[in-house]
Amino acid sequence: MSVIHINKNNYEREVNDSDIPVIIDFWAQWCGPCQMMGSVFEELSKDYTGKLKFAKLNTEEEPALAGRFGISGIPCLIITTHGKETGRIVGFAPKEILKQKIQDIIGGR
């Protein structure tokens, strides 16, 4: 599954109406750790096809959506189920560590 980009126009459909949990990568172009997280995030999306939807949200372009989740530091990954936060991972992590943190949040999905 590929990573989708969310904004105010598709947020409701892609996040709140999703049949599977969604992990949102809150990032910004100027953020070095966010750039490093981007490739790890893309790689992980292939491991969770059908189990977890991967989405990116640019905090510079969508500050209101970022504000809804109280984002104070990036990169920040938030896992949601039907639009409600179920887990949060702040800061860069290598693929295997990030995968373990995701598993800890979503369980046996």
Protein backbone atom coordinates (compact mmCIF):
# COMPACT_ATOMS: atom_id res chain seq x y z
CA MET A 1 0.00 0.00 0.00
CA SER A 2 1.33 3.41 -0.82
CA VAL A 3 1.48 6.39 1.50
CA ILE A 4 -1.31 8.90 0.98
CA HIS A 5 -1.11 12.64 1.61
CA ILE A 6 -3.92 14.05 3.69
CA ASN A 7 -5.26 17.56 3.91
CA LYS A 8 -8.46 19.28 4.99
CA ASN A 9 -10.21 18.12 1.80
CA ASN A 10 -9.67 14.37 2.23
CA TYR A 11 -9.09 14.03 5.99
CA GLU A 12 -12.64 12.94 6.84
CA ARG A 13 -12.71 10.25 4.14
CA GLU A 14 -9.16 8.94 4.61
CA VAL A 15 -8.91 9.06 8.41
CA ASN A 16 -12.29 9.22 10.14
CA ASP A 17 -14.08 6.94 7.66
CA SER A 18 -11.24 4.41 7.31
CA ASP A 19 -12.11 0.76 7.95
CA ILE A 20 -8.60 0.11 9.26
CA PRO A 21 -6.42 2.13 11.67
CA VAL A 22 -4.48 5.02 10.15
CA ILE A 23 -0.94 6.09 11.06
CA ILE A 24 -0.33 9.75 10.29
CA ASP A 25 3.18 11.13 9.87
CA PHE A 26 3.09 14.81 10.89
CA TRP A 27 6.10 16.44 9.20
CA ALA A 28 7.50 19.60 7.61
CA GLN A 29 9.83 20.17 4.68
CA TRP A 30 12.44 22.01 6.79
CA CYS A 31 12.66 19.22 9.42
CA GLY A 32 15.77 17.00 8.98
CA PRO A 33 14.54 14.12 11.19
CA CYS A 34 11.22 14.25 9.28
CA GLN A 35 13.10 13.70 6.02
CA MET A 36 14.87 10.67 7.53
CA MET A 37 11.55 9.34 8.86
CA GLY A 38 9.96 9.65 5.40
CA SER A 39 11.92 6.77 3.85
CA VAL A 40 11.43 4.54 6.92
CA PHE A 41 7.69 5.35 6.89
CA GLU A 42 7.46 4.45 3.18
CA GLU A 43 9.27 1.13 3.76
CA LEU A 44 7.02 0.21 6.69
CA SER A 45 3.87 0.92 4.68
CA LYS A 46 4.66 -2.18 2.59
CA ASP A 47 4.70 -4.37 5.72
CA TYR A 48 1.20 -3.38 6.84
CA THR A 49 -0.87 -3.59 3.65
CA GLY A 50 -4.51 -4.15 4.62
CA LYS A 51 -3.76 -3.75 8.34
CA LEU A 52 -2.78 -0.11 8.68
CA LYS A 53 -3.20 2.88 6.36
CA PHE A 54 -0.14 5.14 6.09
CA ALA A 55 -0.72 8.86 5.64
CA LYS A 56 1.42 12.01 5.73
CA LEU A 57 0.28 15.45 6.84
CA ASN A 58 2.44 18.51 6.20
CA THR A 59 2.13 20.66 9.33
CA GLU A 60 3.12 23.81 7.41
CA GLU A 61 0.29 23.35 4.90
CA GLU A 62 -2.31 22.08 7.38
CA PRO A 63 -1.67 23.78 10.75
CA ALA A 64 -5.32 23.46 11.83
CA LEU A 65 -5.30 19.67 11.39
CA ALA A 66 -1.96 19.42 13.22
CA GLY A 67 -3.43 21.60 15.96
CA ARG A 68 -6.34 19.21 16.40
CA PHE A 69 -3.86 16.63 17.65
CA GLY A 70 -1.79 19.06 19.74
CA ILE A 71 1.37 18.49 17.72
CA SER A 72 4.24 20.25 19.49
CA GLY A 73 7.21 18.42 17.99
CA ILE A 74 7.89 16.67 14.70
CA PRO A 75 8.27 14.10 13.37
CA CYS A 76 5.24 12.78 15.20
CA LEU A 77 3.35 9.64 14.24
CA ILE A 78 -0.20 9.27 15.49
CA ILE A 79 -2.23 6.10 15.09
CA THR A 80 -5.98 6.61 14.90
CA THR A 81 -9.00 4.34 14.81
CA HIS A 82 -12.08 6.05 13.34
CA GLY A 83 -10.37 9.40 13.86
CA LYS A 84 -9.60 8.87 17.56
CA GLU A 85 -5.97 8.76 18.69
CA THR A 86 -4.89 5.34 19.95
CA GLY A 87 -1.13 5.87 20.04
CA ARG A 88 1.64 8.42 19.51
CA ILE A 89 5.32 8.08 18.59
CA VAL A 90 7.42 11.24 18.73
CA GLY A 91 10.84 11.62 17.14
CA PHE A 92 12.83 9.64 14.61
CA ALA A 93 13.36 5.90 15.09
CA PRO A 94 15.03 3.31 12.86
CA LYS A 95 12.75 0.87 11.02
CA GLU A 96 12.92 -2.08 13.45
CA ILE A 97 12.36 0.08 16.53
CA LEU A 98 9.53 1.93 14.86
CA LYS A 99 7.95 -1.35 13.76
CA GLN A 100 8.06 -2.63 17.36
CA LYS A 101 6.47 0.57 18.67
CA ILE A 102 3.68 0.28 16.06
CA GLN A 103 3.11 -3.37 17.02
CA ASP A 104 2.90 -2.39 20.69
CA ILE A 105 0.13 0.07 19.83
CA ILE A 106 -1.92 -1.91 17.30
CA GLY A 107 -1.39 -5.36 18.81
CA GLY A 108 -2.06 -8.44 16.73
CA ARG A 109 -3.67 -6.75 13.71
